[in-house]
């Protein structure tokens, strides 16, 4: 739904999603900055908003790139190109949890 990181941030602040797929390379604001800002915003809203489950998407899937995503606040990582079966398996494994994509407390 979002065309860039800034739009994505606004959407995630407007309502909670069960799971967000966030590309790392986006115009205006990249995915890492988008998630950093969202996590800071979520921390300020701690009592009223649960932490959203955000999966990074990137063609750069080396360990340092994955680590950088996790340090920015991503919940998970999927390498691109995403294969349909891998995406289905990923989604079933996450959305089957209580609370949608969010890990059970």
N, C-alpha and C. Protein backbone atom coordinates (compact mmCIF):
# COMPACT_ATOMS: atom_id res chain seq x y z
N UNK A 1 0.80 -1.19 0.00
CA UNK A 1 0.00 0.00 0.00
C UNK A 1 0.85 1.26 0.00
N UNK A 2 2.04 1.18 0.56
CA UNK A 2 2.89 2.38 0.65
C UNK A 2 3.86 2.43 -0.52
N UNK A 3 4.03 3.62 -1.08
CA UNK A 3 4.94 3.81 -2.19
C UNK A 3 6.35 4.16 -1.77
N UNK A 4 6.52 4.52 -0.49
CA UNK A 4 7.86 4.85 0.01
C UNK A 4 7.85 4.70 1.54
N UNK A 5 9.01 4.84 2.15
CA UNK A 5 9.14 4.64 3.59
C UNK A 5 8.34 5.63 4.42
N UNK A 6 8.24 6.85 3.96
CA UNK A 6 7.48 7.86 4.70
C UNK A 6 5.99 7.50 4.74
N UNK A 7 5.46 7.07 3.60
CA UNK A 7 4.06 6.64 3.55
C UNK A 7 3.86 5.40 4.43
N UNK A 8 4.82 4.49 4.39
CA UNK A 8 4.75 3.28 5.20
C UNK A 8 4.71 3.60 6.69
N UNK A 9 5.52 4.53 7.11
CA UNK A 9 5.54 4.94 8.51
C UNK A 9 4.18 5.51 8.92
N UNK A 10 3.63 6.38 8.09
CA UNK A 10 2.32 6.97 8.40
C UNK A 10 1.23 5.89 8.50
N UNK A 11 1.27 4.93 7.56
CA UNK A 11 0.27 3.85 7.59
C UNK A 11 0.40 3.01 8.86
N UNK A 12 1.62 2.66 9.22
CA UNK A 12 1.82 1.82 10.41
C UNK A 12 1.46 2.57 11.69
N UNK A 13 1.60 3.89 11.69
CA UNK A 13 1.20 4.68 12.84
C UNK A 13 -0.32 4.85 12.90
N UNK A 14 -0.98 4.77 11.75
CA UNK A 14 -2.42 5.00 11.71
C UNK A 14 -3.22 3.82 12.22
N UNK A 15 -2.69 2.61 12.07
CA UNK A 15 -3.40 1.42 12.56
C UNK A 15 -2.42 0.26 12.63
N UNK A 16 -2.69 -0.67 13.53
CA UNK A 16 -1.80 -1.84 13.62
C UNK A 16 -2.10 -2.85 12.50
N UNK A 17 -1.06 -3.48 12.01
CA UNK A 17 -1.18 -4.53 11.01
C UNK A 17 -0.73 -5.83 11.65
N UNK A 18 -1.25 -6.95 11.19
CA UNK A 18 -0.82 -8.25 11.71
C UNK A 18 0.62 -8.53 11.32
N UNK A 19 0.97 -8.13 10.10
CA UNK A 19 2.31 -8.37 9.60
C UNK A 19 2.59 -7.35 8.50
N UNK A 20 3.79 -6.80 8.50
CA UNK A 20 4.19 -5.82 7.49
C UNK A 20 5.42 -6.37 6.77
N UNK A 21 5.39 -6.36 5.43
CA UNK A 21 6.56 -6.68 4.62
C UNK A 21 7.18 -5.34 4.22
N UNK A 22 8.41 -5.11 4.62
CA UNK A 22 9.05 -3.81 4.43
C UNK A 22 10.33 -3.95 3.61
N UNK A 23 10.30 -3.40 2.41
CA UNK A 23 11.50 -3.41 1.57
C UNK A 23 12.53 -2.46 2.19
N UNK A 24 13.77 -2.85 2.12
CA UNK A 24 14.84 -2.02 2.69
C UNK A 24 15.15 -0.82 1.79
N UNK A 25 15.10 -1.02 0.49
CA UNK A 25 15.41 0.05 -0.45
C UNK A 25 14.12 0.69 -0.94
N UNK A 26 13.78 1.84 -0.37
CA UNK A 26 12.58 2.58 -0.78
C UNK A 26 12.96 4.04 -0.98
N UNK A 27 12.22 4.74 -1.83
CA UNK A 27 12.48 6.17 -2.00
C UNK A 27 12.02 6.97 -0.78
N UNK A 28 12.46 8.18 -0.69
CA UNK A 28 12.13 9.16 0.35
C UNK A 28 12.73 8.78 1.69
N UNK A 29 12.40 7.59 2.22
CA UNK A 29 12.94 7.10 3.48
C UNK A 29 13.12 5.59 3.34
N UNK A 30 14.33 5.09 3.59
CA UNK A 30 14.54 3.65 3.43
C UNK A 30 13.85 2.87 4.54
N UNK A 31 13.76 1.55 4.35
CA UNK A 31 13.06 0.69 5.29
C UNK A 31 13.67 0.68 6.68
N UNK A 32 14.98 0.78 6.77
CA UNK A 32 15.63 0.78 8.08
C UNK A 32 15.26 2.02 8.88
N UNK A 33 15.29 3.18 8.24
CA UNK A 33 14.93 4.42 8.94
C UNK A 33 13.44 4.41 9.29
N UNK A 34 12.63 3.91 8.39
CA UNK A 34 11.19 3.81 8.64
C UNK A 34 10.93 3.00 9.91
N UNK A 35 11.58 1.86 10.03
CA UNK A 35 11.35 0.99 11.19
C UNK A 35 11.96 1.59 12.45
N UNK A 36 13.11 2.23 12.35
CA UNK A 36 13.69 2.90 13.53
C UNK A 36 12.70 3.94 14.08
N UNK A 37 12.14 4.74 13.19
CA UNK A 37 11.19 5.77 13.62
C UNK A 37 9.91 5.15 14.18
N UNK A 38 9.45 4.08 13.54
CA UNK A 38 8.25 3.42 14.06
C UNK A 38 8.50 2.86 15.45
N UNK A 39 9.64 2.20 15.66
CA UNK A 39 9.94 1.62 16.97
C UNK A 39 10.02 2.70 18.05
N UNK A 40 10.58 3.85 17.72
CA UNK A 40 10.63 4.96 18.68
C UNK A 40 9.22 5.45 18.98
N UNK A 41 8.39 5.55 17.95
CA UNK A 41 7.01 5.98 18.14
C UNK A 41 6.24 4.96 18.98
N UNK A 42 6.44 3.66 18.68
CA UNK A 42 5.77 2.61 19.45
C UNK A 42 6.17 2.66 20.92
N UNK A 43 7.43 2.93 21.19
CA UNK A 43 7.90 3.00 22.58
C UNK A 43 7.17 4.11 23.34
N UNK A 44 6.91 5.21 22.66
CA UNK A 44 6.19 6.32 23.28
C UNK A 44 4.71 6.00 23.48
N UNK A 45 4.20 5.04 22.71
CA UNK A 45 2.79 4.64 22.78
C UNK A 45 2.61 3.33 23.55
N UNK A 46 3.61 2.90 24.28
CA UNK A 46 3.71 1.55 24.84
C UNK A 46 2.41 1.00 25.43
N UNK A 47 1.68 1.80 26.15
CA UNK A 47 0.48 1.30 26.81
C UNK A 47 -0.68 1.08 25.84
N UNK A 48 -0.68 1.79 24.73
CA UNK A 48 -1.85 1.73 23.85
C UNK A 48 -1.64 0.96 22.55
N UNK A 49 -0.41 0.67 22.17
CA UNK A 49 -0.16 0.02 20.89
C UNK A 49 0.83 -1.12 21.02
N UNK A 50 0.48 -2.31 20.53
CA UNK A 50 1.45 -3.41 20.54
C UNK A 50 2.52 -3.19 19.47
N UNK A 51 3.64 -3.82 19.65
CA UNK A 51 4.73 -3.76 18.68
C UNK A 51 4.30 -4.50 17.41
N UNK A 52 4.44 -3.84 16.27
CA UNK A 52 4.05 -4.47 15.01
C UNK A 52 5.14 -5.44 14.55
N UNK A 53 4.70 -6.51 13.90
CA UNK A 53 5.61 -7.52 13.36
C UNK A 53 5.99 -7.10 11.95
N UNK A 54 7.28 -6.78 11.75
CA UNK A 54 7.75 -6.25 10.47
C UNK A 54 8.86 -7.14 9.93
N UNK A 55 8.65 -7.62 8.73
CA UNK A 55 9.64 -8.47 8.06
C UNK A 55 10.35 -7.67 6.98
N UNK A 56 11.66 -7.63 7.08
CA UNK A 56 12.47 -6.94 6.07
C UNK A 56 12.55 -7.77 4.80
N UNK A 57 12.54 -7.10 3.66
CA UNK A 57 12.75 -7.74 2.36
C UNK A 57 13.97 -7.08 1.73
N UNK A 58 14.94 -7.90 1.33
CA UNK A 58 16.13 -7.34 0.71
C UNK A 58 16.85 -8.39 -0.12
N UNK A 59 17.45 -7.93 -1.20
CA UNK A 59 18.29 -8.82 -2.01
C UNK A 59 19.65 -9.01 -1.35
N UNK A 60 20.01 -8.12 -0.45
CA UNK A 60 21.27 -8.23 0.30
C UNK A 60 21.01 -9.09 1.53
N UNK A 61 21.35 -10.38 1.43
CA UNK A 61 21.01 -11.31 2.50
C UNK A 61 22.24 -11.85 3.23
N UNK A 62 23.34 -11.13 3.16
CA UNK A 62 24.53 -11.54 3.91
C UNK A 62 24.27 -11.28 5.39
N UNK A 63 24.97 -11.97 6.27
CA UNK A 63 24.77 -11.84 7.71
C UNK A 63 24.84 -10.39 8.18
N UNK A 64 25.82 -9.58 7.74
CA UNK A 64 25.85 -8.18 8.20
C UNK A 64 24.59 -7.40 7.80
N UNK A 65 24.03 -7.69 6.63
CA UNK A 65 22.81 -7.01 6.18
C UNK A 65 21.61 -7.43 7.03
N UNK A 66 21.51 -8.72 7.31
CA UNK A 66 20.42 -9.22 8.15
C UNK A 66 20.55 -8.63 9.56
N UNK A 67 21.77 -8.62 10.09
CA UNK A 67 22.00 -8.05 11.43
C UNK A 67 21.61 -6.58 11.48
N UNK A 68 21.93 -5.83 10.43
CA UNK A 68 21.58 -4.41 10.38
C UNK A 68 20.05 -4.23 10.41
N UNK A 69 19.34 -5.12 9.74
CA UNK A 69 17.86 -5.07 9.76
C UNK A 69 17.33 -5.33 11.17
N UNK A 70 17.88 -6.35 11.82
CA UNK A 70 17.42 -6.69 13.17
C UNK A 70 17.74 -5.56 14.16
N UNK A 71 18.91 -4.97 14.01
CA UNK A 71 19.30 -3.86 14.89
C UNK A 71 18.41 -2.64 14.70
N UNK A 72 17.89 -2.45 13.49
CA UNK A 72 17.00 -1.32 13.22
C UNK A 72 15.62 -1.55 13.83
N UNK A 73 15.30 -2.81 14.15
CA UNK A 73 14.01 -3.10 14.77
C UNK A 73 13.11 -4.03 13.98
N UNK A 74 13.63 -4.60 12.90
CA UNK A 74 12.83 -5.56 12.14
C UNK A 74 12.57 -6.79 13.02
N UNK A 75 11.47 -7.46 12.76
CA UNK A 75 11.12 -8.66 13.50
C UNK A 75 11.65 -9.92 12.81
N UNK A 76 11.84 -9.83 11.51
CA UNK A 76 12.23 -10.99 10.72
C UNK A 76 12.83 -10.53 9.41
N UNK A 77 13.26 -11.48 8.58
CA UNK A 77 13.93 -11.15 7.33
C UNK A 77 13.59 -12.19 6.27
N UNK A 78 13.28 -11.75 5.07
CA UNK A 78 13.09 -12.63 3.91
C UNK A 78 13.98 -12.11 2.79
N UNK A 79 14.81 -12.99 2.21
CA UNK A 79 15.65 -12.56 1.09
C UNK A 79 14.85 -12.47 -0.21
N UNK A 80 15.22 -11.51 -1.06
CA UNK A 80 14.64 -11.38 -2.39
C UNK A 80 15.59 -12.01 -3.39
N UNK A 81 15.10 -12.55 -4.48
CA UNK A 81 13.69 -12.60 -4.83
C UNK A 81 12.94 -13.59 -3.93
N UNK A 82 11.73 -13.21 -3.56
CA UNK A 82 10.91 -14.06 -2.69
C UNK A 82 10.19 -15.08 -3.57
N UNK A 83 10.38 -16.32 -3.25
CA UNK A 83 9.68 -17.38 -3.97
C UNK A 83 8.32 -17.58 -3.32
N UNK A 84 7.30 -17.84 -4.13
CA UNK A 84 5.92 -17.95 -3.63
C UNK A 84 5.83 -18.98 -2.51
N UNK A 85 6.40 -20.16 -2.68
CA UNK A 85 6.29 -21.19 -1.64
C UNK A 85 6.97 -20.74 -0.35
N UNK A 86 8.10 -20.07 -0.47
CA UNK A 86 8.79 -19.57 0.73
C UNK A 86 7.93 -18.52 1.44
N UNK A 87 7.26 -17.66 0.68
CA UNK A 87 6.40 -16.64 1.28
C UNK A 87 5.19 -17.28 1.96
N UNK A 88 4.58 -18.26 1.31
CA UNK A 88 3.43 -18.95 1.91
C UNK A 88 3.85 -19.64 3.21
N UNK A 89 4.97 -20.34 3.20
CA UNK A 89 5.46 -21.00 4.40
C UNK A 89 5.74 -19.99 5.50
N UNK A 90 6.38 -18.90 5.13
CA UNK A 90 6.68 -17.83 6.09
C UNK A 90 5.39 -17.29 6.71
N UNK A 91 4.41 -16.94 5.87
CA UNK A 91 3.16 -16.36 6.36
C UNK A 91 2.40 -17.34 7.25
N UNK A 92 2.32 -18.58 6.84
CA UNK A 92 1.62 -19.56 7.66
C UNK A 92 2.28 -19.73 9.02
N UNK A 93 3.58 -19.66 9.05
CA UNK A 93 4.31 -19.78 10.31
C UNK A 93 4.14 -18.59 11.22
N UNK A 94 3.85 -17.43 10.67
CA UNK A 94 3.71 -16.22 11.48
C UNK A 94 2.26 -15.93 11.82
N UNK A 95 1.38 -16.06 10.86
CA UNK A 95 -0.01 -15.68 11.07
C UNK A 95 -0.79 -16.71 11.86
N UNK A 96 -0.20 -17.86 12.07
CA UNK A 96 -0.84 -18.91 12.84
C UNK A 96 -0.73 -18.66 14.35
N UNK A 97 0.09 -17.71 14.72
CA UNK A 97 0.31 -17.39 16.14
C UNK A 97 -0.85 -16.60 16.71
N UNK A 98 -1.09 -16.73 18.02
CA UNK A 98 -2.08 -15.84 18.64
C UNK A 98 -1.64 -14.38 18.44
N UNK A 99 -2.55 -13.50 18.13
CA UNK A 99 -2.20 -12.10 17.92
C UNK A 99 -1.70 -11.83 16.52
N UNK A 100 -1.96 -12.73 15.59
CA UNK A 100 -1.52 -12.51 14.21
C UNK A 100 -0.03 -12.73 14.07
N UNK A 101 0.65 -11.82 13.38
CA UNK A 101 2.07 -11.96 13.16
C UNK A 101 2.90 -11.68 14.39
N UNK A 102 2.28 -11.12 15.40
CA UNK A 102 3.04 -10.79 16.61
C UNK A 102 3.32 -12.05 17.42
N UNK A 103 4.54 -12.21 17.91
CA UNK A 103 4.83 -13.38 18.74
C UNK A 103 3.95 -13.37 19.98
N UNK A 104 3.55 -14.55 20.43
CA UNK A 104 2.74 -14.64 21.66
C UNK A 104 3.54 -14.15 22.85
N UNK A 105 2.91 -13.42 23.74
CA UNK A 105 3.59 -12.86 24.92
C UNK A 105 3.79 -13.92 25.98
